[in-house]
Amino acid sequence: MKIRGYGWLKPNGIRKKLKDIAQNWKNSDDYKNSWLSRME
């Protein structure tokens, strides 16, 4: 059974999705204001 919207769950899809999420997060104010950004 195929569930629509879960194509990104394939191994390479997951990596791309996580990369997109990480990229968006790093560009967000939440990240810039967080302690993580001060650790870099």
Protein backbone atom coordinates (compact mmCIF):
# COMPACT_ATOMS: atom_id res chain seq x y z
CA MET A 1 0.00 0.00 0.00
CA LYS A 2 1.31 3.39 -0.97
CA ILE A 3 0.67 6.35 1.26
CA ARG A 4 0.71 9.65 -0.57
CA GLY A 5 3.15 12.22 0.72
CA TYR A 6 5.59 9.69 2.10
CA GLY A 7 7.86 9.43 -0.92
CA TRP A 8 10.55 11.28 1.00
CA LEU A 9 10.73 8.36 3.45
CA LYS A 10 12.91 6.47 0.96
CA PRO A 11 16.52 6.51 2.20
CA ASN A 12 17.79 9.20 -0.15
CA GLY A 13 14.54 11.12 0.20
CA ILE A 14 14.94 11.19 3.98
CA ARG A 15 18.47 12.55 3.71
CA LYS A 16 17.33 15.30 1.37
CA LYS A 17 14.37 16.12 3.61
CA LEU A 18 16.54 16.31 6.73
CA LYS A 19 19.04 18.47 4.87
CA ASP A 20 16.25 20.82 3.79
CA ILE A 21 14.91 20.98 7.35
CA ALA A 22 18.37 21.62 8.79
CA GLN A 23 19.02 24.31 6.20
CA ASN A 24 15.72 26.04 6.90
CA TRP A 25 16.37 25.82 10.62
CA LYS A 26 19.88 27.22 10.35
CA ASN A 27 18.46 30.18 8.45
CA SER A 28 15.78 30.77 11.06
CA ASP A 29 15.88 33.28 13.89
CA ASP A 30 15.31 30.43 16.36
CA TYR A 31 18.68 29.03 15.40
CA LYS A 32 20.50 32.34 15.38
CA ASN A 33 19.17 33.07 18.87
CA SER A 34 19.91 29.60 20.22
CA TRP A 35 22.92 28.45 22.21
CA LEU A 36 23.82 26.15 19.31
CA SER A 37 24.84 29.08 17.11
CA ARG A 38 27.12 30.34 19.86
CA MET A 39 28.90 26.98 19.99
CA GLU A 40 30.04 27.10 16.38
